[in-house]
PDB file of N, CA and C in Angstrom:
ATOM      1  N   MET A   1       0.936  -1.338   0.074  1.00  0.00           N
ATOM      2  CA  MET A   1       0.158  -0.047   0.104  1.00  0.00           C
ATOM      3  C   MET A   1       1.043   1.103   0.014  1.00  0.00           C
ATOM      4  N   SER A   2       0.519   2.211  -0.895  1.00  0.00           N
ATOM      5  CA  SER A   2       1.339   3.390  -1.011  1.00  0.00           C
ATOM      6  C   SER A   2       1.090   4.296   0.360  1.00  0.00           C
ATOM      7  N   LYS A   3       2.185   5.094   0.577  1.00  0.00           N
ATOM      8  CA  LYS A   3       2.104   6.050   1.615  1.00  0.00           C
ATOM      9  C   LYS A   3       1.359   7.370   1.249  1.00  0.00           C
ATOM     10  N   SER A   4       0.842   7.948   2.278  1.00  0.00           N
ATOM     11  CA  SER A   4       0.113   9.458   1.842  1.00  0.00           C
ATOM     12  C   SER A   4       1.167  10.353   1.864  1.00  0.00           C
ATOM     13  N   HIS A   5       0.954  11.500   1.062  1.00  0.00           N
ATOM     14  CA  HIS A   5       1.902  12.736   0.931  1.00  0.00           C
ATOM     15  C   HIS A   5       2.374  13.112   2.405  1.00  0.00           C
ATOM     16  N   LYS A   6       1.459  13.218   3.273  1.00  0.00           N
ATOM     17  CA  LYS A   6       1.836  13.587   4.490  1.00  0.00           C
ATOM     18  C   LYS A   6       2.856  12.753   5.158  1.00  0.00           C
ATOM     19  N   GLU A   7       2.653  11.234   4.953  1.00  0.00           N
ATOM     20  CA  GLU A   7       3.558  10.251   5.486  1.00  0.00           C
ATOM     21  C   GLU A   7       4.920  10.368   4.768  1.00  0.00           C
ATOM     22  N   ASN A   8       4.811  10.576   3.501  1.00  0.00           N
ATOM     23  CA  ASN A   8       6.160  10.681   2.883  1.00  0.00           C
ATOM     24  C   ASN A   8       6.829  12.002   3.238  1.00  0.00           C
ATOM     25  N   LEU A   9       6.195  12.931   3.532  1.00  0.00           N
ATOM     26  CA  LEU A   9       6.649  14.204   3.831  1.00  0.00           C
ATOM     27  C   LEU A   9       7.398  14.054   5.312  1.00  0.00           C
ATOM     28  N   ILE A  10       6.692  13.545   6.228  1.00  0.00           N
ATOM     29  CA  ILE A  10       7.216  13.175   7.376  1.00  0.00           C
ATOM     30  C   ILE A  10       8.748  12.448   7.344  1.00  0.00           C
ATOM     31  N   GLU A  11       8.529  11.276   6.486  1.00  0.00           N
ATOM     32  CA  GLU A  11       9.704  10.501   6.338  1.00  0.00           C
ATOM     33  C   GLU A  11      10.907  11.297   5.717  1.00  0.00           C
ATOM     34  N   LYS A  12      10.557  12.282   4.656  1.00  0.00           N
ATOM     35  CA  LYS A  12      11.505  13.235   4.080  1.00  0.00           C
ATOM     36  C   LYS A  12      12.286  14.130   5.324  1.00  0.00           C
ATOM     37  N   LEU A  13      11.359  14.863   5.982  1.00  0.00           N
ATOM     38  CA  LEU A  13      12.020  15.442   7.098  1.00  0.00           C
ATOM     39  C   LEU A  13      12.835  14.762   8.018  1.00  0.00           C
ATOM     40  N   HIS A  14      12.417  13.557   8.564  1.00  0.00           N
ATOM     41  CA  HIS A  14      13.322  12.816   9.310  1.00  0.00           C
ATOM     42  C   HIS A  14      14.478  12.525   8.913  1.00  0.00           C
ATOM     43  N   SER A  15      14.598  12.346   7.301  1.00  0.00           N
ATOM     44  CA  SER A  15      15.736  12.128   6.695  1.00  0.00           C
ATOM     45  C   SER A  15      16.758  13.265   6.507  1.00  0.00           C
ATOM     46  N   ARG A  16      16.438  14.367   7.138  1.00  0.00           N
ATOM     47  CA  ARG A  16      17.288  15.660   6.971  1.00  0.00           C
ATOM     48  C   ARG A  16      17.102  16.224   5.559  1.00  0.00           C
ATOM     49  N   LYS A  17      16.047  15.993   4.970  1.00  0.00           N
ATOM     50  CA  LYS A  17      15.614  16.675   3.603  1.00  0.00           C
ATOM     51  C   LYS A  17      14.763  17.716   3.894  1.00  0.00           C
ATOM     52  N   TYR A  18      14.385  18.451   2.816  1.00  0.00           N
ATOM     53  CA  TYR A  18      13.222  19.516   2.662  1.00  0.00           C
ATOM     54  C   TYR A  18      12.362  19.265   1.565  1.00  0.00           C
ATOM     55  N   GLU A  19      11.367  19.935   1.760  1.00  0.00           N
ATOM     56  CA  GLU A  19      10.318  20.022   0.423  1.00  0.00           C
ATOM     57  C   GLU A  19      10.044  21.460   0.108  1.00  0.00           C
ATOM     58  N   GLU A  20       9.831  21.441  -1.253  1.00  0.00           N
ATOM     59  CA  GLU A  20       9.790  22.840  -1.750  1.00  0.00           C
ATOM     60  C   GLU A  20       8.524  22.478  -2.890  1.00  0.00           C
ATOM     61  N   TYR A  21       7.728  23.497  -3.068  1.00  0.00           N
ATOM     62  CA  TYR A  21       6.617  23.469  -4.131  1.00  0.00           C
ATOM     63  C   TYR A  21       6.160  24.857  -4.277  1.00  0.00           C
ATOM     64  N   LYS A  22       6.433  25.180  -5.447  1.00  0.00           N
ATOM     65  CA  LYS A  22       5.981  26.641  -6.186  1.00  0.00           C
ATOM     66  C   LYS A  22       6.390  27.679  -5.074  1.00  0.00           C
ATOM     67  N   GLY A  23       7.452  27.698  -4.595  1.00  0.00           N
ATOM     68  CA  GLY A  23       7.788  28.761  -3.675  1.00  0.00           C
ATOM     69  C   GLY A  23       7.471  28.389  -2.138  1.00  0.00           C
ATOM     70  N   VAL A  24       6.827  27.410  -1.813  1.00  0.00           N
ATOM     71  CA  VAL A  24       6.477  27.002  -0.141  1.00  0.00           C
ATOM     72  C   VAL A  24       7.458  25.941  -0.083  1.00  0.00           C
ATOM     73  N   SER A  25       7.908  26.182   1.173  1.00  0.00           N
ATOM     74  CA  SER A  25       9.079  25.000   1.687  1.00  0.00           C
ATOM     75  C   SER A  25       8.741  25.004   3.174  1.00  0.00           C
ATOM     76  N   ILE A  26       9.141  23.827   3.410  1.00  0.00           N
ATOM     77  CA  ILE A  26       9.153  23.061   4.828  1.00  0.00           C
ATOM     78  C   ILE A  26      10.274  22.387   5.055  1.00  0.00           C
ATOM     79  N   CYS A  27      11.089  22.462   6.263  1.00  0.00           N
ATOM     80  CA  CYS A  27      12.298  21.874   6.619  1.00  0.00           C
ATOM     81  C   CYS A  27      12.330  21.846   8.053  1.00  0.00           C
ATOM     82  N   LEU A  28      13.338  20.930   8.420  1.00  0.00           N
ATOM     83  CA  LEU A  28      13.882  20.941   9.909  1.00  0.00           C
ATOM     84  C   LEU A  28      14.973  22.038   9.944  1.00  0.00           C
ATOM     85  N   ILE A  29      14.619  23.090  10.497  1.00  0.00           N
ATOM     86  CA  ILE A  29      15.471  24.407  10.640  1.00  0.00           C
ATOM     87  C   ILE A  29      16.832  23.912  11.263  1.00  0.00           C
ATOM     88  N   ASN A  30      16.927  23.110  12.137  1.00  0.00           N
ATOM     89  CA  ASN A  30      17.824  22.552  12.955  1.00  0.00           C
ATOM     90  C   ASN A  30      19.133  22.062  12.077  1.00  0.00           C
ATOM     91  N   ASP A  31      18.572  21.662  10.834  1.00  0.00           N
ATOM     92  CA  ASP A  31      19.646  21.063  10.041  1.00  0.00           C
ATOM     93  C   ASP A  31      20.415  22.213   9.349  1.00  0.00           C
ATOM     94  N   PHE A  32      20.093  23.553   9.285  1.00  0.00           N
ATOM     95  CA  PHE A  32      20.614  24.597   8.659  1.00  0.00           C
ATOM     96  C   PHE A  32      21.070  25.755   9.701  1.00  0.00           C
ATOM     97  N   TYR A  33      20.650  25.634  10.988  1.00  0.00           N
ATOM     98  CA  TYR A  33      21.054  26.520  12.143  1.00  0.00           C
ATOM     99  C   TYR A  33      21.104  25.782  13.209  1.00  0.00           C
ATOM    100  N   PRO A  34      22.073  26.356  14.055  1.00  0.00           N
ATOM    101  CA  PRO A  34      22.204  25.345  15.340  1.00  0.00           C
ATOM    102  C   PRO A  34      20.866  25.562  16.328  1.00  0.00           C
ATOM    103  N   MET A  35      20.645  24.591  17.127  1.00  0.00           N
ATOM    104  CA  MET A  35      19.529  24.377  18.011  1.00  0.00           C
ATOM    105  C   MET A  35      19.533  25.747  18.946  1.00  0.00           C
ATOM    106  N   VAL A  36      18.316  26.430  19.180  1.00  0.00           N
ATOM    107  CA  VAL A  36      18.129  27.156  20.092  1.00  0.00           C
ATOM    108  C   VAL A  36      17.420  26.583  21.221  1.00  0.00           C
ATOM    109  N   ASN A  37      17.779  26.811  22.442  1.00  0.00           N
ATOM    110  CA  ASN A  37      17.189  26.140  23.674  1.00  0.00           C
ATOM    111  C   ASN A  37      17.021  24.665  23.513  1.00  0.00           C
ATOM    112  N   LYS A  38      17.828  23.940  22.772  1.00  0.00           N
ATOM    113  CA  LYS A  38      17.841  22.544  22.628  1.00  0.00           C
ATOM    114  C   LYS A  38      16.426  22.074  21.997  1.00  0.00           C
ATOM    115  N   LYS A  39      15.751  23.021  21.269  1.00  0.00           N
ATOM    116  CA  LYS A  39      14.443  22.676  20.754  1.00  0.00           C
ATOM    117  C   LYS A  39      14.522  22.172  19.229  1.00  0.00           C
ATOM    118  N   ILE A  40      13.746  21.161  18.754  1.00  0.00           N
ATOM    119  CA  ILE A  40      13.832  20.752  17.486  1.00  0.00           C
ATOM    120  C   ILE A  40      12.757  22.018  16.829  1.00  0.00           C
ATOM    121  N   ARG A  41      12.971  22.380  15.808  1.00  0.00           N
ATOM    122  CA  ARG A  41      11.954  23.423  15.137  1.00  0.00           C
ATOM    123  C   ARG A  41      11.975  23.191  13.562  1.00  0.00           C
ATOM    124  N   TYR A  42      10.821  23.222  13.169  1.00  0.00           N
ATOM    125  CA  TYR A  42      10.476  23.316  11.758  1.00  0.00           C
ATOM    126  C   TYR A  42      10.025  24.552  11.333  1.00  0.00           C
ATOM    127  N   GLN A  43      10.439  24.871   9.986  1.00  0.00           N
ATOM    128  CA  GLN A  43      10.279  26.241   9.492  1.00  0.00           C
ATOM    129  C   GLN A  43       9.232  25.998   8.330  1.00  0.00           C
ATOM    130  N   VAL A  44       8.309  26.762   8.125  1.00  0.00           N
ATOM    131  CA  VAL A  44       7.356  26.802   6.827  1.00  0.00           C
ATOM    132  C   VAL A  44       7.619  28.294   6.454  1.00  0.00           C
ATOM    133  N   HIS A  45       8.003  28.378   5.060  1.00  0.00           N
ATOM    134  CA  HIS A  45       8.422  29.577   4.385  1.00  0.00           C
ATOM    135  C   HIS A  45       7.701  29.631   2.963  1.00  0.00           C
ATOM    136  N   CYS A  46       7.224  30.866   2.686  1.00  0.00           N
ATOM    137  CA  CYS A  46       6.884  31.295   1.398  1.00  0.00           C
ATOM    138  C   CYS A  46       7.159  32.566   1.059  1.00  0.00           C
ATOM    139  N   ASP A  47       7.462  32.648  -0.225  1.00  0.00           N
ATOM    140  CA  ASP A  47       7.933  33.998  -0.785  1.00  0.00           C
ATOM    141  C   ASP A  47       6.669  34.432  -1.639  1.00  0.00           C
ATOM    142  N   GLY A  48       6.602  35.696  -2.051  1.00  0.00           N
ATOM    143  CA  GLY A  48       5.666  35.868  -3.159  1.00  0.00           C
ATOM    144  C   GLY A  48       4.177  36.687  -2.550  1.00  0.00           C
ATOM    145  N   LYS A  49       3.282  36.237  -3.383  1.00  0.00           N
ATOM    146  CA  LYS A  49       1.717  36.805  -2.793  1.00  0.00           C
ATOM    147  C   LYS A  49       1.508  36.254  -1.295  1.00  0.00           C
ATOM    148  N   TYR A  50       1.727  35.214  -0.948  1.00  0.00           N
ATOM    149  CA  TYR A  50       1.438  34.853   0.518  1.00  0.00           C
ATOM    150  C   TYR A  50       2.737  34.762   1.236  1.00  0.00           C
ATOM    151  N   SER A  51       3.359  35.662   1.314  1.00  0.00           N
ATOM    152  CA  SER A  51       4.614  35.827   1.985  1.00  0.00           C
ATOM    153  C   SER A  51       4.363  35.462   3.538  1.00  0.00           C
ATOM    154  N   PHE A  52       5.082  34.424   3.900  1.00  0.00           N
ATOM    155  CA  PHE A  52       4.894  33.895   5.386  1.00  0.00           C
ATOM    156  C   PHE A  52       6.144  33.134   5.719  1.00  0.00           C
ATOM    157  N   SER A  53       6.624  33.146   6.996  1.00  0.00           N
ATOM    158  CA  SER A  53       7.804  32.407   7.578  1.00  0.00           C
ATOM    159  C   SER A  53       7.377  32.397   9.121  1.00  0.00           C
ATOM    160  N   HIS A  54       7.475  31.008   9.625  1.00  0.00           N
ATOM    161  CA  HIS A  54       7.160  30.789  10.900  1.00  0.00           C
ATOM    162  C   HIS A  54       7.802  29.587  11.353  1.00  0.00           C
ATOM    163  N   LEU A  55       8.248  29.547  12.515  1.00  0.00           N
ATOM    164  CA  LEU A  55       9.047  28.378  13.230  1.00  0.00           C
ATOM    165  C   LEU A  55       7.905  27.709  14.013  1.00  0.00           C
ATOM    166  N   TYR A  56       7.986  26.177  13.961  1.00  0.00           N
ATOM    167  CA  TYR A  56       7.040  25.461  14.742  1.00  0.00           C
ATOM    168  C   TYR A  56       7.802  24.289  15.522  1.00  0.00           C
ATOM    169  N   ASP A  57       7.427  24.224  16.852  1.00  0.00           N
ATOM    170  CA  ASP A  57       7.938  23.089  17.516  1.00  0.00           C
ATOM    171  C   ASP A  57       7.353  21.692  17.242  1.00  0.00           C
ATOM    172  N   CYS A  58       6.164  21.906  16.906  1.00  0.00           N
ATOM    173  CA  CYS A  58       5.230  20.648  16.558  1.00  0.00           C
ATOM    174  C   CYS A  58       5.285  20.314  14.938  1.00  0.00           C
ATOM    175  N   LEU A  59       5.791  19.231  14.651  1.00  0.00           N
ATOM    176  CA  LEU A  59       5.672  18.816  13.255  1.00  0.00           C
ATOM    177  C   LEU A  59       4.291  18.755  12.538  1.00  0.00           C
ATOM    178  N   ASP A  60       3.415  18.255  13.365  1.00  0.00           N
ATOM    179  CA  ASP A  60       2.047  18.375  12.809  1.00  0.00           C
ATOM    180  C   ASP A  60       1.387  19.592  12.466  1.00  0.00           C
ATOM    181  N   GLU A  61       1.841  20.562  13.345  1.00  0.00           N
ATOM    182  CA  GLU A  61       1.356  21.952  13.001  1.00  0.00           C
ATOM    183  C   GLU A  61       1.917  22.566  11.780  1.00  0.00           C
ATOM    184  N   ALA A  62       3.267  22.448  11.578  1.00  0.00           N
ATOM    185  CA  ALA A  62       4.164  22.775  10.630  1.00  0.00           C
ATOM    186  C   ALA A  62       3.572  22.167   9.406  1.00  0.00           C
ATOM    187  N   ILE A  63       3.251  20.853   9.356  1.00  0.00           N
ATOM    188  CA  ILE A  63       2.726  20.400   8.008  1.00  0.00           C
ATOM    189  C   ILE A  63       1.309  20.798   7.563  1.00  0.00           C
ATOM    190  N   LYS A  64       0.377  21.157   8.656  1.00  0.00           N
ATOM    191  CA  LYS A  64      -0.673  21.677   8.417  1.00  0.00           C
ATOM    192  C   LYS A  64      -0.682  22.920   7.637  1.00  0.00           C
ATOM    193  N   LYS A  65       0.064  23.778   8.315  1.00  0.00           N
ATOM    194  CA  LYS A  65       0.363  25.008   7.707  1.00  0.00           C
ATOM    195  C   LYS A  65       0.784  24.946   6.163  1.00  0.00           C
ATOM    196  N   TYR A  66       1.912  24.038   6.211  1.00  0.00           N
ATOM    197  CA  TYR A  66       2.328  24.029   4.736  1.00  0.00           C
ATOM    198  C   TYR A  66       1.400  23.683   3.739  1.00  0.00           C
ATOM    199  N   PHE A  67       0.640  22.562   3.982  1.00  0.00           N
ATOM    200  CA  PHE A  67      -0.466  22.090   3.183  1.00  0.00           C
ATOM    201  C   PHE A  67      -1.462  23.113   3.031  1.00  0.00           C
ATOM    202  N   GLU A  68      -1.762  23.961   4.039  1.00  0.00           N
ATOM    203  CA  GLU A  68      -2.804  24.984   3.797  1.00  0.00           C
ATOM    204  C   GLU A  68      -2.279  26.220   2.840  1.00  0.00           C
ATOM    205  N   ILE A  69      -0.872  26.359   2.976  1.00  0.00           N
ATOM    206  CA  ILE A  69      -0.373  27.387   2.073  1.00  0.00           C
ATOM    207  C   ILE A  69      -0.291  26.836   0.728  1.00  0.00           C
ATOM    208  N   ARG A  70       0.033  25.738   0.530  1.00  0.00           N
ATOM    209  CA  ARG A  70       0.240  25.133  -0.863  1.00  0.00           C
ATOM    210  C   ARG A  70      -1.251  25.182  -1.525  1.00  0.00           C
ATOM    211  N   ARG A  71      -2.191  24.813  -0.893  1.00  0.00           N
ATOM    212  CA  ARG A  71      -3.521  24.766  -1.558  1.00  0.00           C
ATOM    213  C   ARG A  71      -3.810  26.180  -2.010  1.00  0.00           C
ATOM    214  N   ARG A  72      -3.309  27.287  -1.481  1.00  0.00           N
ATOM    215  CA  ARG A  72      -3.524  28.495  -1.812  1.00  0.00           C
ATOM    216  C   ARG A  72      -2.804  28.876  -3.311  1.00  0.00           C
ATOM    217  N   ARG A  73      -1.858  28.136  -3.565  1.00  0.00           N
ATOM    218  CA  ARG A  73      -0.984  28.687  -4.596  1.00  0.00           C
ATOM    219  C   ARG A  73      -1.504  28.146  -6.078  1.00  0.00           C
TER     220      ARG A  73
END
């Protein structure tokens, strides 16, 4: 049985990769910058019409926002 897009995205982020789609990206920001307060953080970022950038402690919240912005594009 094939995995859902969300499951593939979680696997990708846990493998220290990021995803970008039409200017919307999600990543484990700790892979690019040192940890602050020893917290794992995820970043959802978008340039352009829906300019947005926010850090999340919770992966599920970050993914929810990522898909929300993607649907607008």
